[in-house]
C-alpha atoms as a PDB file:
ATOM      1  CA  MET A   1       6.286  29.345  25.688  1.00  0.00           C
ATOM      2  CA  SER A   2       3.022  27.817  24.479  1.00  0.00           C
ATOM      3  CA  ASN A   3       2.921  24.703  22.310  1.00  0.00           C
ATOM      4  CA  ALA A   4       1.379  26.687  19.424  1.00  0.00           C
ATOM      5  CA  ARG A   5       4.202  29.232  19.460  1.00  0.00           C
ATOM      6  CA  LEU A   6       6.837  26.508  19.655  1.00  0.00           C
ATOM      7  CA  SER A   7       5.199  24.629  16.787  1.00  0.00           C
ATOM      8  CA  LYS A   8       5.239  27.782  14.665  1.00  0.00           C
ATOM      9  CA  ARG A   9       8.874  28.417  15.504  1.00  0.00           C
ATOM     10  CA  TYR A  10      10.024  24.910  14.547  1.00  0.00           C
ATOM     11  CA  ALA A  11       7.832  24.764  11.428  1.00  0.00           C
ATOM     12  CA  ARG A  12       9.074  28.155  10.234  1.00  0.00           C
ATOM     13  CA  ALA A  13      12.689  27.148  10.813  1.00  0.00           C
ATOM     14  CA  LEU A  14      12.368  23.973   8.734  1.00  0.00           C
ATOM     15  CA  PHE A  15      10.348  25.815   6.095  1.00  0.00           C
ATOM     16  CA  SER A  16      12.976  28.547   5.848  1.00  0.00           C
ATOM     17  CA  LEU A  17      15.709  25.957   5.336  1.00  0.00           C
ATOM     18  CA  GLY A  18      13.545  24.254   2.726  1.00  0.00           C
ATOM     19  CA  GLN A  19      13.023  27.504   0.854  1.00  0.00           C
ATOM     20  CA  GLN A  20      16.761  28.158   0.860  1.00  0.00           C
ATOM     21  CA  ASP A  21      17.615  24.803  -0.688  1.00  0.00           C
ATOM     22  CA  GLY A  22      14.426  24.506  -2.771  1.00  0.00           C
ATOM     23  CA  SER A  23      13.225  21.380  -0.944  1.00  0.00           C
ATOM     24  CA  TYR A  24      10.371  22.754   1.162  1.00  0.00           C
ATOM     25  CA  VAL A  25       7.791  20.528  -0.591  1.00  0.00           C
ATOM     26  CA  LYS A  26       9.974  17.442  -0.055  1.00  0.00           C
ATOM     27  CA  TYR A  27      10.412  18.285   3.631  1.00  0.00           C
ATOM     28  CA  GLY A  28       6.660  18.747   3.958  1.00  0.00           C
ATOM     29  CA  ASN A  29       6.071  15.308   2.453  1.00  0.00           C
ATOM     30  CA  GLU A  30       8.617  13.783   4.826  1.00  0.00           C
ATOM     31  CA  LEU A  31       7.014  15.543   7.759  1.00  0.00           C
ATOM     32  CA  ASP A  32       3.594  14.183   6.722  1.00  0.00           C
ATOM     33  CA  ALA A  33       4.983  10.644   6.362  1.00  0.00           C
ATOM     34  CA  PHE A  34       6.624  10.825   9.782  1.00  0.00           C
ATOM     35  CA  VAL A  35       3.438  12.141  11.407  1.00  0.00           C
ATOM     36  CA  ARG A  36       1.368   9.333   9.844  1.00  0.00           C
ATOM     37  CA  PHE A  37       3.760   6.740  11.269  1.00  0.00           C
ATOM     38  CA  TYR A  38       3.951   8.547  14.622  1.00  0.00           C
ATOM     39  CA  LYS A  39       0.148   8.561  14.919  1.00  0.00           C
ATOM     40  CA  GLN A  40      -0.262   4.936  13.800  1.00  0.00           C
ATOM     41  CA  SER A  41       2.397   3.378  16.016  1.00  0.00           C
ATOM     42  CA  ALA A  42       1.613   3.785  19.692  1.00  0.00           C
ATOM     43  CA  ASP A  43       4.721   1.777  20.622  1.00  0.00           C
ATOM     44  CA  PHE A  44       7.013   4.066  18.609  1.00  0.00           C
ATOM     45  CA  ARG A  45       5.282   7.169  19.952  1.00  0.00           C
ATOM     46  CA  HIS A  46       5.698   5.966  23.524  1.00  0.00           C
ATOM     47  CA  ALA A  47       9.316   4.893  22.995  1.00  0.00           C
ATOM     48  CA  VAL A  48      10.516   8.230  21.590  1.00  0.00           C
ATOM     49  CA  SER A  49       8.328  10.463  23.763  1.00  0.00           C
ATOM     50  CA  SER A  50       8.717   8.877  27.165  1.00  0.00           C
ATOM     51  CA  PRO A  51      11.477  10.093  29.484  1.00  0.00           C
ATOM     52  CA  VAL A  52      11.363   6.615  31.059  1.00  0.00           C
ATOM     53  CA  PHE A  53      13.668   5.464  28.266  1.00  0.00           C
ATOM     54  CA  ALA A  54      17.256   6.690  28.132  1.00  0.00           C
ATOM     55  CA  MET A  55      17.942   9.314  25.458  1.00  0.00           C
ATOM     56  CA  ASP A  56      20.444   6.994  23.735  1.00  0.00           C
ATOM     57  CA  ALA A  57      17.781   4.305  23.375  1.00  0.00           C
ATOM     58  CA  ARG A  58      15.242   6.830  22.096  1.00  0.00           C
ATOM     59  CA  LYS A  59      17.752   8.109  19.504  1.00  0.00           C
ATOM     60  CA  LYS A  60      18.500   4.560  18.307  1.00  0.00           C
ATOM     61  CA  ILE A  61      14.795   3.849  17.858  1.00  0.00           C
ATOM     62  CA  LEU A  62      14.271   7.123  15.994  1.00  0.00           C
ATOM     63  CA  ASP A  63      17.329   6.546  13.785  1.00  0.00           C
ATOM     64  CA  SER A  64      16.141   3.044  12.952  1.00  0.00           C
ATOM     65  CA  VAL A  65      12.758   4.366  11.788  1.00  0.00           C
ATOM     66  CA  LEU A  66      14.338   7.227   9.849  1.00  0.00           C
ATOM     67  CA  ASN A  67      16.758   4.813   8.109  1.00  0.00           C
ATOM     68  CA  LYS A  68      13.944   2.473   7.082  1.00  0.00           C
ATOM     69  CA  GLY A  69      11.833   5.417   5.920  1.00  0.00           C
ATOM     70  CA  GLY A  70      14.553   6.836   3.672  1.00  0.00           C
ATOM     71  CA  PHE A  71      14.298  10.359   5.097  1.00  0.00           C
ATOM     72  CA  SER A  72      16.593  13.134   3.873  1.00  0.00           C
ATOM     73  CA  GLN A  73      19.471  14.292   6.039  1.00  0.00           C
ATOM     74  CA  MET A  74      17.646  17.580   6.740  1.00  0.00           C
ATOM     75  CA  ALA A  75      14.540  15.749   7.978  1.00  0.00           C
ATOM     76  CA  ARG A  76      16.682  13.392  10.042  1.00  0.00           C
ATOM     77  CA  ASN A  77      18.453  16.340  11.667  1.00  0.00           C
ATOM     78  CA  PHE A  78      15.114  18.047  12.310  1.00  0.00           C
ATOM     79  CA  PHE A  79      13.531  15.005  13.988  1.00  0.00           C
ATOM     80  CA  ASN A  80      16.675  14.442  16.075  1.00  0.00           C
ATOM     81  CA  LEU A  81      16.594  18.087  17.176  1.00  0.00           C
ATOM     82  CA  LEU A  82      12.972  17.673  18.240  1.00  0.00           C
ATOM     83  CA  LEU A  83      13.944  14.576  20.197  1.00  0.00           C
ATOM     84  CA  ASP A  84      16.911  16.350  21.837  1.00  0.00           C
ATOM     85  CA  LYS A  85      14.698  19.267  22.884  1.00  0.00           C
ATOM     86  CA  ASN A  86      11.874  16.958  24.070  1.00  0.00           C
ATOM     87  CA  ARG A  87       9.546  18.423  21.415  1.00  0.00           C
ATOM     88  CA  ILE A  88       8.856  15.256  19.417  1.00  0.00           C
ATOM     89  CA  GLY A  89       5.381  15.160  20.982  1.00  0.00           C
ATOM     90  CA  SER A  90       4.575  18.413  19.146  1.00  0.00           C
ATOM     91  CA  ILE A  91       5.238  16.905  15.729  1.00  0.00           C
ATOM     92  CA  GLU A  92       1.562  16.902  14.685  1.00  0.00           C
ATOM     93  CA  SER A  93       1.052  20.609  15.356  1.00  0.00           C
ATOM     94  CA  ILE A  94       4.423  21.415  13.751  1.00  0.00           C
ATOM     95  CA  SER A  95       3.307  19.519  10.646  1.00  0.00           C
ATOM     96  CA  GLU A  96      -0.012  21.410  10.535  1.00  0.00           C
ATOM     97  CA  VAL A  97       1.770  24.779  10.696  1.00  0.00           C
ATOM     98  CA  TYR A  98       4.260  23.632   8.056  1.00  0.00           C
ATOM     99  CA  SER A  99       1.407  22.596   5.725  1.00  0.00           C
ATOM    100  CA  ARG A 100      -0.183  26.033   6.078  1.00  0.00           C
ATOM    101  CA  LEU A 101       3.146  27.687   5.217  1.00  0.00           C
ATOM    102  CA  VAL A 102       3.491  25.533   2.082  1.00  0.00           C
ATOM    103  CA  ASP A 103      -0.108  26.316   1.074  1.00  0.00           C
ATOM    104  CA  GLU A 104       0.491  30.038   1.546  1.00  0.00           C
ATOM    105  CA  VAL A 105       3.604  30.049  -0.632  1.00  0.00           C
ATOM    106  CA  SER A 106       1.867  27.814  -3.195  1.00  0.00           C
ATOM    107  CA  ASN A 107      -1.186  30.131  -3.278  1.00  0.00           C
ATOM    108  CA  ILE A 108      -3.560  27.374  -2.134  1.00  0.00           C
ATOM    109  CA  SER A 109      -6.631  27.836   0.062  1.00  0.00           C
ATOM    110  CA  ASN A 110      -8.662  25.095   1.697  1.00  0.00           C
ATOM    111  CA  ALA A 111     -12.399  25.283   1.154  1.00  0.00           C
ATOM    112  CA  GLU A 112     -15.189  23.465   2.901  1.00  0.00           C
ATOM    113  CA  ILE A 113     -18.172  23.067   0.585  1.00  0.00           C
ATOM    114  CA  ILE A 114     -21.377  22.072   2.338  1.00  0.00           C
ATOM    115  CA  THR A 115     -24.255  20.662   0.306  1.00  0.00           C
ATOM    116  CA  ALA A 116     -27.511  18.888   1.083  1.00  0.00           C
ATOM    117  CA  MET A 117     -26.776  16.108  -1.414  1.00  0.00           C
ATOM    118  CA  PRO A 118     -23.671  14.722  -3.140  1.00  0.00           C
ATOM    119  CA  LEU A 119     -22.284  16.950  -5.892  1.00  0.00           C
ATOM    120  CA  LYS A 120     -21.487  15.618  -9.335  1.00  0.00           C
ATOM    121  CA  LYS A 121     -17.849  15.996 -10.359  1.00  0.00           C
ATOM    122  CA  GLU A 122     -18.702  18.581 -13.051  1.00  0.00           C
ATOM    123  CA  THR A 123     -20.699  20.656 -10.584  1.00  0.00           C
ATOM    124  CA  LEU A 124     -17.934  20.563  -7.986  1.00  0.00           C
ATOM    125  CA  ASP A 125     -15.385  21.561 -10.636  1.00  0.00           C
ATOM    126  CA  ARG A 126     -17.558  24.569 -11.638  1.00  0.00           C
ATOM    127  CA  VAL A 127     -17.972  25.662  -8.019  1.00  0.00           C
ATOM    128  CA  VAL A 128     -14.221  25.361  -7.393  1.00  0.00           C
ATOM    129  CA  LYS A 129     -13.374  27.290 -10.587  1.00  0.00           C
ATOM    130  CA  THR A 130     -15.849  30.042  -9.671  1.00  0.00           C
ATOM    131  CA  PHE A 131     -14.341  30.521  -6.211  1.00  0.00           C
ATOM    132  CA  GLU A 132     -10.779  30.271  -7.537  1.00  0.00           C
ATOM    133  CA  GLY A 133     -11.626  33.186  -9.816  1.00  0.00           C
ATOM    134  CA  LEU A 134     -13.223  35.061  -6.941  1.00  0.00           C
ATOM    135  CA  ILE A 135     -10.268  34.776  -4.538  1.00  0.00           C
ATOM    136  CA  SER A 136      -7.441  34.429  -7.112  1.00  0.00           C
ATOM    137  CA  ARG A 137      -6.044  31.320  -5.427  1.00  0.00           C
ATOM    138  CA  THR A 138      -6.080  27.600  -6.104  1.00  0.00           C
ATOM    139  CA  ILE A 139      -8.671  25.828  -3.976  1.00  0.00           C
ATOM    140  CA  ARG A 140      -8.362  22.444  -2.297  1.00  0.00           C
ATOM    141  CA  ALA A 141     -11.996  21.486  -1.687  1.00  0.00           C
ATOM    142  CA  GLU A 142     -13.519  19.237   0.934  1.00  0.00           C
ATOM    143  CA  VAL A 143     -17.194  18.439   0.378  1.00  0.00           C
ATOM    144  CA  VAL A 144     -19.416  17.853   3.401  1.00  0.00           C
ATOM    145  CA  GLU A 145     -23.020  16.730   3.161  1.00  0.00           C
ATOM    146  CA  ASP A 146     -25.542  18.300   5.533  1.00  0.00           C
ATOM    147  CA  PRO A 147     -29.210  17.594   4.728  1.00  0.00           C
ATOM    148  CA  ASP A 148     -30.249  20.310   7.235  1.00  0.00           C
ATOM    149  CA  ILE A 149     -29.383  23.031   4.703  1.00  0.00           C
ATOM    150  CA  ILE A 150     -32.278  21.677   2.562  1.00  0.00           C
ATOM    151  CA  GLY A 151     -30.611  22.680  -0.724  1.00  0.00           C
ATOM    152  CA  GLY A 152     -28.109  25.076  -2.197  1.00  0.00           C
ATOM    153  CA  ILE A 153     -24.512  25.398  -1.079  1.00  0.00           C
ATOM    154  CA  ILE A 154     -22.376  26.887   1.688  1.00  0.00           C
ATOM    155  CA  VAL A 155     -18.694  27.622   1.050  1.00  0.00           C
ATOM    156  CA  LYS A 156     -16.148  28.370   3.785  1.00  0.00           C
ATOM    157  CA  ILE A 157     -12.686  29.556   2.802  1.00  0.00           C
ATOM    158  CA  GLY A 158     -10.596  30.663   5.746  1.00  0.00           C
ATOM    159  CA  ASP A 159     -12.645  33.187   7.717  1.00  0.00           C
ATOM    160  CA  THR A 160     -14.924  33.961   4.767  1.00  0.00           C
ATOM    161  CA  PHE A 161     -18.330  32.349   4.502  1.00  0.00           C
ATOM    162  CA  TRP A 162     -20.773  32.306   1.553  1.00  0.00           C
ATOM    163  CA  ASP A 163     -24.220  30.943   2.371  1.00  0.00           C
ATOM    164  CA  GLY A 164     -26.435  30.159  -0.609  1.00  0.00           C
ATOM    165  CA  SER A 165     -28.457  27.500   1.171  1.00  0.00           C
ATOM    166  CA  ILE A 166     -32.228  27.218   1.071  1.00  0.00           C
ATOM    167  CA  ARG A 167     -32.202  27.208   4.884  1.00  0.00           C
ATOM    168  CA  ALA A 168     -30.499  30.648   4.925  1.00  0.00           C
ATOM    169  CA  GLN A 169     -33.018  31.996   2.407  1.00  0.00           C
ATOM    170  CA  ILE A 170     -35.940  30.727   4.513  1.00  0.00           C
ATOM    171  CA  GLU A 171     -34.419  32.285   7.640  1.00  0.00           C
ATOM    172  CA  GLY A 172     -33.985  35.570   5.748  1.00  0.00           C
ATOM    173  CA  LEU A 173     -37.659  35.522   4.736  1.00  0.00           C
ATOM    174  CA  ARG A 174     -38.675  34.694   8.320  1.00  0.00           C
ATOM    175  CA  GLU A 175     -36.694  37.722   9.587  1.00  0.00           C
ATOM    176  CA  SER A 176     -38.285  39.940   6.923  1.00  0.00           C
ATOM    177  CA  PHE A 177     -41.765  38.859   7.998  1.00  0.00           C
ATOM    178  CA  LYS A 178     -40.915  39.526  11.653  1.00  0.00           C
ATOM    179  CA  ARG A 179     -39.828  43.071  10.798  1.00  0.00           C
ATOM    180  CA  GLY A 180     -43.014  43.550   8.767  1.00  0.00           C
ATOM    181  CA  GLU A 181     -41.294  44.077   5.422  1.00  0.00           C
END
């Protein structure tokens, strides 16, 4: 089974348990905290991921980190299951899938807003409110600056793309001239 399918399976299982006990947001936060530590500590990552170390030693290292981190019993059980099944190396992709599940239930969409220059806070708030009204979801915006668009704005939400950039308008005019319109 592919890593993506396994990640979905594990993320959905934890998410389902979290929905049942009302703690899915808490588990998501714990998953994020664990992933941050996992990514930052190469020694820890190597110690729990490498089959060179005995499983008992790997479990002790994991338990030590989980104790110091104050993780819930559900998260502790989940991370131990991943270790037992040699899936701890998939924790980053599991966390990404889990985050998408939480966003879906919370009615949140991620948006990439591309501008030629920095946006003022009021302008960004207006753009976000406009698109929230358009898609009927809360938007978590990430602003990216790209001077190549000359001016205007490009918004990407999921697979949908709105291009109000000056560059797109110039290209549209160029195409019109080519067709003789």
